[in-house]
PDB file of N, CA and C in Angstrom:
ATOM      1  N   MET A   1      -9.668  83.754-149.302  1.00  0.00           N
ATOM      2  CA  MET A   1      -9.523  84.325-150.627  1.00  0.00           C
ATOM      3  C   MET A   1     -10.866  84.941-151.035  1.00  0.00           C
ATOM      4  N   THR A   2     -10.811  86.153-151.586  1.00  0.00           N
ATOM      5  CA  THR A   2     -12.035  86.770-152.090  1.00  0.00           C
ATOM      6  C   THR A   2     -12.458  86.073-153.387  1.00  0.00           C
ATOM      7  N   GLN A   3     -13.678  86.331-153.812  1.00  0.00           N
ATOM      8  CA  GLN A   3     -14.162  85.724-155.059  1.00  0.00           C
ATOM      9  C   GLN A   3     -13.303  86.174-156.243  1.00  0.00           C
ATOM     10  N   ASP A   4     -12.941  87.472-156.279  1.00  0.00           N
ATOM     11  CA  ASP A   4     -12.089  87.976-157.364  1.00  0.00           C
ATOM     12  C   ASP A   4     -10.738  87.268-157.372  1.00  0.00           C
ATOM     13  N   GLU A   5     -10.172  87.037-156.184  1.00  0.00           N
ATOM     14  CA  GLU A   5      -8.893  86.340-156.101  1.00  0.00           C
ATOM     15  C   GLU A   5      -9.035  84.900-156.581  1.00  0.00           C
ATOM     16  N   LYS A   6     -10.119  84.249-156.210  1.00  0.00           N
ATOM     17  CA  LYS A   6     -10.340  82.872-156.660  1.00  0.00           C
ATOM     18  C   LYS A   6     -10.378  82.799-158.177  1.00  0.00           C
ATOM     19  N   VAL A   7     -11.101  83.726-158.791  1.00  0.00           N
ATOM     20  CA  VAL A   7     -11.197  83.760-160.257  1.00  0.00           C
ATOM     21  C   VAL A   7      -9.822  84.021-160.864  1.00  0.00           C
ATOM     22  N   PHE A   8      -9.099  85.014-160.327  1.00  0.00           N
ATOM     23  CA  PHE A   8      -7.779  85.368-160.858  1.00  0.00           C
ATOM     24  C   PHE A   8      -6.827  84.176-160.792  1.00  0.00           C
ATOM     25  N   PHE A   9      -6.721  83.534-159.616  1.00  0.00           N
ATOM     26  CA  PHE A   9      -5.760  82.448-159.462  1.00  0.00           C
ATOM     27  C   PHE A   9      -6.168  81.190-160.225  1.00  0.00           C
ATOM     28  N   LYS A  10      -7.451  80.980-160.418  1.00  0.00           N
ATOM     29  CA  LYS A  10      -7.907  79.856-161.245  1.00  0.00           C
ATOM     30  C   LYS A  10      -7.503  80.088-162.707  1.00  0.00           C
ATOM     31  N   GLN A  11      -7.682  81.331-163.195  1.00  0.00           N
ATOM     32  CA  GLN A  11      -7.294  81.659-164.570  1.00  0.00           C
ATOM     33  C   GLN A  11      -5.777  81.616-164.736  1.00  0.00           C
ATOM     34  N   LEU A  12      -5.042  82.116-163.747  1.00  0.00           N
ATOM     35  CA  LEU A  12      -3.580  82.068-163.804  1.00  0.00           C
ATOM     36  C   LEU A  12      -3.113  80.614-163.846  1.00  0.00           C
ATOM     37  N   GLY A  13      -3.703  79.781-163.015  1.00  0.00           N
ATOM     38  CA  GLY A  13      -3.347  78.360-163.006  1.00  0.00           C
ATOM     39  C   GLY A  13      -3.617  77.695-164.342  1.00  0.00           C
ATOM     40  N   LYS A  14      -4.726  78.068-164.970  1.00  0.00           N
ATOM     41  CA  LYS A  14      -5.052  77.506-166.281  1.00  0.00           C
ATOM     42  C   LYS A  14      -4.000  77.916-167.307  1.00  0.00           C
ATOM     43  N   ARG A  15      -3.575  79.189-167.273  1.00  0.00           N
ATOM     44  CA  ARG A  15      -2.543  79.640-168.220  1.00  0.00           C
ATOM     45  C   ARG A  15      -1.219  78.929-167.969  1.00  0.00           C
ATOM     46  N   ILE A  16      -0.856  78.737-166.703  1.00  0.00           N
ATOM     47  CA  ILE A  16       0.378  78.021-166.375  1.00  0.00           C
ATOM     48  C   ILE A  16       0.302  76.593-166.917  1.00  0.00           C
ATOM     49  N   SER A  17      -0.831  75.949-166.718  1.00  0.00           N
ATOM     50  CA  SER A  17      -1.014  74.581-167.216  1.00  0.00           C
ATOM     51  C   SER A  17      -0.889  74.524-168.738  1.00  0.00           C
ATOM     52  N   GLU A  18      -1.553  75.454-169.429  1.00  0.00           N
ATOM     53  CA  GLU A  18      -1.501  75.471-170.895  1.00  0.00           C
ATOM     54  C   GLU A  18      -0.077  75.699-171.394  1.00  0.00           C
ATOM     55  N   LEU A  19       0.626  76.645-170.785  1.00  0.00           N
ATOM     56  CA  LEU A  19       1.995  76.954-171.210  1.00  0.00           C
ATOM     57  C   LEU A  19       2.930  75.777-170.930  1.00  0.00           C
ATOM     58  N   ARG A  20       2.751  75.148-169.783  1.00  0.00           N
ATOM     59  CA  ARG A  20       3.571  73.978-169.437  1.00  0.00           C
ATOM     60  C   ARG A  20       3.383  72.875-170.476  1.00  0.00           C
ATOM     61  N   LYS A  21       2.130  72.626-170.835  1.00  0.00           N
ATOM     62  CA  LYS A  21       1.841  71.578-171.816  1.00  0.00           C
ATOM     63  C   LYS A  21       2.386  71.933-173.188  1.00  0.00           C
ATOM     64  N   GLU A  22       2.311  73.224-173.565  1.00  0.00           N
ATOM     65  CA  GLU A  22       2.878  73.656-174.856  1.00  0.00           C
ATOM     66  C   GLU A  22       4.372  73.390-174.914  1.00  0.00           C
ATOM     67  N   MET A  23       5.045  73.506-173.764  1.00  0.00           N
ATOM     68  CA  MET A  23       6.486  73.249-173.706  1.00  0.00           C
ATOM     69  C   MET A  23       6.798  71.756-173.606  1.00  0.00           C
ATOM     70  N   GLY A  24       5.763  70.943-173.477  1.00  0.00           N
ATOM     71  CA  GLY A  24       5.971  69.506-173.379  1.00  0.00           C
ATOM     72  C   GLY A  24       6.505  69.062-172.027  1.00  0.00           C
ATOM     73  N   LEU A  25       6.212  69.828-170.987  1.00  0.00           N
ATOM     74  CA  LEU A  25       6.694  69.493-169.645  1.00  0.00           C
ATOM     75  C   LEU A  25       5.589  68.843-168.821  1.00  0.00           C
ATOM     76  N   THR A  26       5.991  67.922-167.956  1.00  0.00           N
ATOM     77  CA  THR A  26       5.070  67.384-166.967  1.00  0.00           C
ATOM     78  C   THR A  26       5.093  68.312-165.752  1.00  0.00           C
ATOM     79  N   GLN A  27       4.117  68.122-164.877  1.00  0.00           N
ATOM     80  CA  GLN A  27       4.120  68.903-163.634  1.00  0.00           C
ATOM     81  C   GLN A  27       5.393  68.624-162.843  1.00  0.00           C
ATOM     82  N   THR A  28       5.827  67.395-162.831  1.00  0.00           N
ATOM     83  CA  THR A  28       7.032  67.012-162.094  1.00  0.00           C
ATOM     84  C   THR A  28       8.270  67.693-162.669  1.00  0.00           C
ATOM     85  N   GLU A  29       8.384  67.713-163.999  1.00  0.00           N
ATOM     86  CA  GLU A  29       9.535  68.363-164.632  1.00  0.00           C
ATOM     87  C   GLU A  29       9.549  69.859-164.331  1.00  0.00           C
ATOM     88  N   LEU A  30       8.383  70.498-164.412  1.00  0.00           N
ATOM     89  CA  LEU A  30       8.303  71.925-164.101  1.00  0.00           C
ATOM     90  C   LEU A  30       8.667  72.163-162.639  1.00  0.00           C
ATOM     91  N   ALA A  31       8.124  71.343-161.758  1.00  0.00           N
ATOM     92  CA  ALA A  31       8.410  71.486-160.328  1.00  0.00           C
ATOM     93  C   ALA A  31       9.902  71.343-160.047  1.00  0.00           C
ATOM     94  N   ASN A  32      10.529  70.351-160.659  1.00  0.00           N
ATOM     95  CA  ASN A  32      11.968  70.144-160.457  1.00  0.00           C
ATOM     96  C   ASN A  32      12.774  71.343-160.926  1.00  0.00           C
ATOM     97  N   SER A  33      12.383  71.946-162.059  1.00  0.00           N
ATOM     98  CA  SER A  33      13.135  73.095-162.570  1.00  0.00           C
ATOM     99  C   SER A  33      12.973  74.320-161.672  1.00  0.00           C
ATOM    100  N   LEU A  34      11.879  74.355-160.907  1.00  0.00           N
ATOM    101  CA  LEU A  34      11.630  75.492-160.010  1.00  0.00           C
ATOM    102  C   LEU A  34      12.029  75.206-158.565  1.00  0.00           C
ATOM    103  N   GLY A  35      12.377  73.960-158.278  1.00  0.00           N
ATOM    104  CA  GLY A  35      12.762  73.592-156.917  1.00  0.00           C
ATOM    105  C   GLY A  35      11.584  73.525-155.952  1.00  0.00           C
ATOM    106  N   ILE A  36      10.410  73.160-156.481  1.00  0.00           N
ATOM    107  CA  ILE A  36       9.225  73.004-155.647  1.00  0.00           C
ATOM    108  C   ILE A  36       8.599  71.647-155.924  1.00  0.00           C
ATOM    109  N   SER A  37       7.560  71.285-155.187  1.00  0.00           N
ATOM    110  CA  SER A  37       6.958  69.960-155.354  1.00  0.00           C
ATOM    111  C   SER A  37       5.942  69.933-156.498  1.00  0.00           C
ATOM    112  N   GLN A  38       5.731  68.736-157.028  1.00  0.00           N
ATOM    113  CA  GLN A  38       4.720  68.536-158.066  1.00  0.00           C
ATOM    114  C   GLN A  38       3.342  68.861-157.519  1.00  0.00           C
ATOM    115  N   GLN A  39       3.109  68.549-156.249  1.00  0.00           N
ATOM    116  CA  GLN A  39       1.815  68.824-155.634  1.00  0.00           C
ATOM    117  C   GLN A  39       1.522  70.316-155.599  1.00  0.00           C
ATOM    118  N   LEU A  40       2.553  71.131-155.392  1.00  0.00           N
ATOM    119  CA  LEU A  40       2.367  72.582-155.384  1.00  0.00           C
ATOM    120  C   LEU A  40       2.030  73.093-156.786  1.00  0.00           C
ATOM    121  N   ILE A  41       2.693  72.555-157.802  1.00  0.00           N
ATOM    122  CA  ILE A  41       2.355  72.918-159.190  1.00  0.00           C
ATOM    123  C   ILE A  41       0.904  72.557-159.469  1.00  0.00           C
ATOM    124  N   ALA A  42       0.483  71.361-159.064  1.00  0.00           N
ATOM    125  CA  ALA A  42      -0.900  70.927-159.276  1.00  0.00           C
ATOM    126  C   ALA A  42      -1.880  71.874-158.575  1.00  0.00           C
ATOM    127  N   ALA A  43      -1.539  72.309-157.374  1.00  0.00           N
ATOM    128  CA  ALA A  43      -2.399  73.231-156.626  1.00  0.00           C
ATOM    129  C   ALA A  43      -2.459  74.604-157.291  1.00  0.00           C
ATOM    130  N   TYR A  44      -1.326  75.079-157.828  1.00  0.00           N
ATOM    131  CA  TYR A  44      -1.319  76.352-158.565  1.00  0.00           C
ATOM    132  C   TYR A  44      -2.206  76.237-159.799  1.00  0.00           C
ATOM    133  N   GLU A  45      -2.031  75.142-160.551  1.00  0.00           N
ATOM    134  CA  GLU A  45      -2.777  74.973-161.799  1.00  0.00           C
ATOM    135  C   GLU A  45      -4.276  74.837-161.550  1.00  0.00           C
ATOM    136  N   ALA A  46      -4.658  74.271-160.424  1.00  0.00           N
ATOM    137  CA  ALA A  46      -6.073  74.103-160.090  1.00  0.00           C
ATOM    138  C   ALA A  46      -6.663  75.367-159.467  1.00  0.00           C
ATOM    139  N   GLY A  47      -5.789  76.331-159.130  1.00  0.00           N
ATOM    140  CA  GLY A  47      -6.269  77.553-158.498  1.00  0.00           C
ATOM    141  C   GLY A  47      -6.560  77.384-157.023  1.00  0.00           C
ATOM    142  N   ILE A  48      -6.085  76.299-156.443  1.00  0.00           N
ATOM    143  CA  ILE A  48      -6.313  76.020-155.024  1.00  0.00           C
ATOM    144  C   ILE A  48      -5.371  76.845-154.155  1.00  0.00           C
ATOM    145  N   ARG A  49      -4.132  76.990-154.616  1.00  0.00           N
ATOM    146  CA  ARG A  49      -3.128  77.778-153.891  1.00  0.00           C
ATOM    147  C   ARG A  49      -2.794  79.025-154.699  1.00  0.00           C
ATOM    148  N   LYS A  50      -2.502  80.101-153.990  1.00  0.00           N
ATOM    149  CA  LYS A  50      -2.096  81.348-154.641  1.00  0.00           C
ATOM    150  C   LYS A  50      -0.651  81.222-155.110  1.00  0.00           C
ATOM    151  N   VAL A  51      -0.401  81.626-156.343  1.00  0.00           N
ATOM    152  CA  VAL A  51       0.976  81.695-156.841  1.00  0.00           C
ATOM    153  C   VAL A  51       1.605  82.926-156.195  1.00  0.00           C
ATOM    154  N   PRO A  52       2.710  82.765-155.467  1.00  0.00           N
ATOM    155  CA  PRO A  52       3.337  83.930-154.838  1.00  0.00           C
ATOM    156  C   PRO A  52       3.773  84.955-155.890  1.00  0.00           C
ATOM    157  N   ALA A  53       3.634  86.218-155.551  1.00  0.00           N
ATOM    158  CA  ALA A  53       4.027  87.290-156.474  1.00  0.00           C
ATOM    159  C   ALA A  53       5.480  87.131-156.905  1.00  0.00           C
ATOM    160  N   SER A  54       6.327  86.628-156.024  1.00  0.00           N
ATOM    161  CA  SER A  54       7.743  86.451-156.349  1.00  0.00           C
ATOM    162  C   SER A  54       7.979  85.376-157.405  1.00  0.00           C
ATOM    163  N   MET A  55       7.009  84.471-157.604  1.00  0.00           N
ATOM    164  CA  MET A  55       7.156  83.399-158.598  1.00  0.00           C
ATOM    165  C   MET A  55       6.664  83.807-159.981  1.00  0.00           C
ATOM    166  N   ILE A  56       5.844  84.840-160.059  1.00  0.00           N
ATOM    167  CA  ILE A  56       5.250  85.218-161.349  1.00  0.00           C
ATOM    168  C   ILE A  56       6.316  85.591-162.379  1.00  0.00           C
ATOM    169  N   PRO A  57       7.327  86.410-162.030  1.00  0.00           N
ATOM    170  CA  PRO A  57       8.382  86.684-163.030  1.00  0.00           C
ATOM    171  C   PRO A  57       9.140  85.422-163.448  1.00  0.00           C
ATOM    172  N   THR A  58       9.299  84.488-162.535  1.00  0.00           N
ATOM    173  CA  THR A  58       9.990  83.229-162.852  1.00  0.00           C
ATOM    174  C   THR A  58       9.203  82.435-163.891  1.00  0.00           C
ATOM    175  N   PHE A  59       7.887  82.314-163.683  1.00  0.00           N
ATOM    176  CA  PHE A  59       7.049  81.631-164.671  1.00  0.00           C
ATOM    177  C   PHE A  59       7.086  82.363-166.012  1.00  0.00           C
ATOM    178  N   SER A  60       7.038  83.684-165.963  1.00  0.00           N
ATOM    179  CA  SER A  60       7.055  84.497-167.182  1.00  0.00           C
ATOM    180  C   SER A  60       8.316  84.221-168.004  1.00  0.00           C
ATOM    181  N   LYS A  61       9.462  84.229-167.349  1.00  0.00           N
ATOM    182  CA  LYS A  61      10.738  83.977-168.048  1.00  0.00           C
ATOM    183  C   LYS A  61      10.803  82.542-168.563  1.00  0.00           C
ATOM    184  N   LEU A  62      10.397  81.604-167.729  1.00  0.00           N
ATOM    185  CA  LEU A  62      10.457  80.197-168.104  1.00  0.00           C
ATOM    186  C   LEU A  62       9.619  79.909-169.340  1.00  0.00           C
ATOM    187  N   PHE A  63       8.421  80.518-169.408  1.00  0.00           N
ATOM    188  CA  PHE A  63       7.516  80.280-170.523  1.00  0.00           C
ATOM    189  C   PHE A  63       7.703  81.269-171.667  1.00  0.00           C
ATOM    190  N   ALA A  64       8.623  82.226-171.512  1.00  0.00           N
ATOM    191  CA  ALA A  64       8.923  83.232-172.538  1.00  0.00           C
ATOM    192  C   ALA A  64       7.675  84.017-172.955  1.00  0.00           C
ATOM    193  N   VAL A  65       6.911  84.449-171.953  1.00  0.00           N
ATOM    194  CA  VAL A  65       5.761  85.322-172.179  1.00  0.00           C
ATOM    195  C   VAL A  65       5.914  86.541-171.278  1.00  0.00           C
ATOM    196  N   SER A  66       5.224  87.619-171.624  1.00  0.00           N
ATOM    197  CA  SER A  66       5.296  88.812-170.787  1.00  0.00           C
ATOM    198  C   SER A  66       4.522  88.581-169.494  1.00  0.00           C
ATOM    199  N   LEU A  67       4.852  89.379-168.491  1.00  0.00           N
ATOM    200  CA  LEU A  67       4.101  89.320-167.237  1.00  0.00           C
ATOM    201  C   LEU A  67       2.626  89.588-167.488  1.00  0.00           C
ATOM    202  N   GLU A  68       2.356  90.559-168.372  1.00  0.00           N
ATOM    203  CA  GLU A  68       0.977  90.928-168.682  1.00  0.00           C
ATOM    204  C   GLU A  68       0.213  89.765-169.307  1.00  0.00           C
ATOM    205  N   GLN A  69       0.893  89.027-170.197  1.00  0.00           N
ATOM    206  CA  GLN A  69       0.243  87.866-170.810  1.00  0.00           C
ATOM    207  C   GLN A  69      -0.001  86.777-169.770  1.00  0.00           C
ATOM    208  N   LEU A  70       0.961  86.550-168.895  1.00  0.00           N
ATOM    209  CA  LEU A  70       0.834  85.500-167.894  1.00  0.00           C
ATOM    210  C   LEU A  70      -0.323  85.769-166.939  1.00  0.00           C
ATOM    211  N   VAL A  71      -0.486  87.016-166.513  1.00  0.00           N
ATOM    212  CA  VAL A  71      -1.555  87.322-165.545  1.00  0.00           C
ATOM    213  C   VAL A  71      -2.874  87.669-166.212  1.00  0.00           C
ATOM    214  N   GLY A  72      -2.916  87.672-167.544  1.00  0.00           N
ATOM    215  CA  GLY A  72      -4.172  87.857-168.250  1.00  0.00           C
ATOM    216  C   GLY A  72      -4.531  89.277-168.604  1.00  0.00           C
ATOM    217  N   MET A  73      -3.571  90.196-168.493  1.00  0.00           N
ATOM    218  CA  MET A  73      -3.842  91.588-168.860  1.00  0.00           C
ATOM    219  C   MET A  73      -3.728  91.803-170.360  1.00  0.00           C
ATOM    220  N   GLU A  74      -3.007  90.917-171.039  1.00  0.00           N
ATOM    221  CA  GLU A  74      -2.863  90.951-172.498  1.00  0.00           C
ATOM    222  C   GLU A  74      -3.141  89.542-173.011  1.00  0.00           C
ATOM    223  N   PRO A  75      -3.701  89.435-174.212  1.00  0.00           N
ATOM    224  CA  PRO A  75      -3.960  88.092-174.751  1.00  0.00           C
ATOM    225  C   PRO A  75      -2.665  87.366-175.057  1.00  0.00           C
ATOM    226  N   MET A  76      -2.727  86.053-174.947  1.00  0.00           N
ATOM    227  CA  MET A  76      -1.576  85.228-175.302  1.00  0.00           C
ATOM    228  C   MET A  76      -1.418  85.239-176.801  1.00  0.00           C
ATOM    229  N   ALA A  77      -0.202  85.180-177.259  1.00  0.00           N
ATOM    230  CA  ALA A  77       0.071  85.101-178.688  1.00  0.00           C
ATOM    231  C   ALA A  77      -0.537  83.808-179.224  1.00  0.00           C
ATOM    232  N   THR A  78      -1.122  83.896-180.388  1.00  0.00           N
ATOM    233  CA  THR A  78      -1.702  82.685-180.983  1.00  0.00           C
ATOM    234  C   THR A  78      -0.594  81.818-181.554  1.00  0.00           C
ATOM    235  N   LYS A  79      -0.850  80.528-181.520  1.00  0.00           N
ATOM    236  CA  LYS A  79       0.122  79.584-182.079  1.00  0.00           C
ATOM    237  C   LYS A  79       0.180  79.728-183.580  1.00  0.00           C
ATOM    238  N   ARG A  80       1.375  79.631-184.104  1.00  0.00           N
ATOM    239  CA  ARG A  80       1.541  79.608-185.556  1.00  0.00           C
ATOM    240  C   ARG A  80       1.902  78.196-185.950  1.00  0.00           C
ATOM    241  N   GLY A  81       1.350  77.766-187.028  1.00  0.00           N
ATOM    242  CA  GLY A  81       1.664  76.406-187.457  1.00  0.00           C
ATOM    243  C   GLY A  81       1.246  76.188-188.891  1.00  0.00           C
ATOM    244  N   PRO A  82       1.484  74.970-189.364  1.00  0.00           N
ATOM    245  CA  PRO A  82       1.152  74.664-190.766  1.00  0.00           C
ATOM    246  C   PRO A  82      -0.335  74.681-191.030  1.00  0.00           C
TER     247      PRO A  82
END
């Protein structure tokens, strides 16, 4: 992996982790819904493994964010609350 790829996948993993936690899901629950292992989710979130391009739209739909927001091309919407 190039340095740019390492940075990209580490940031993508961080966004996946944040979105998963916002939805109140554990790594295991997310993995089960995607048909993959919890260890693979952990590796994606840590930036150790590359998220396959084919999985990015799946994460986008699951978390109800745009592809651009998921990959960091657009800022994530800020949380609204009391």
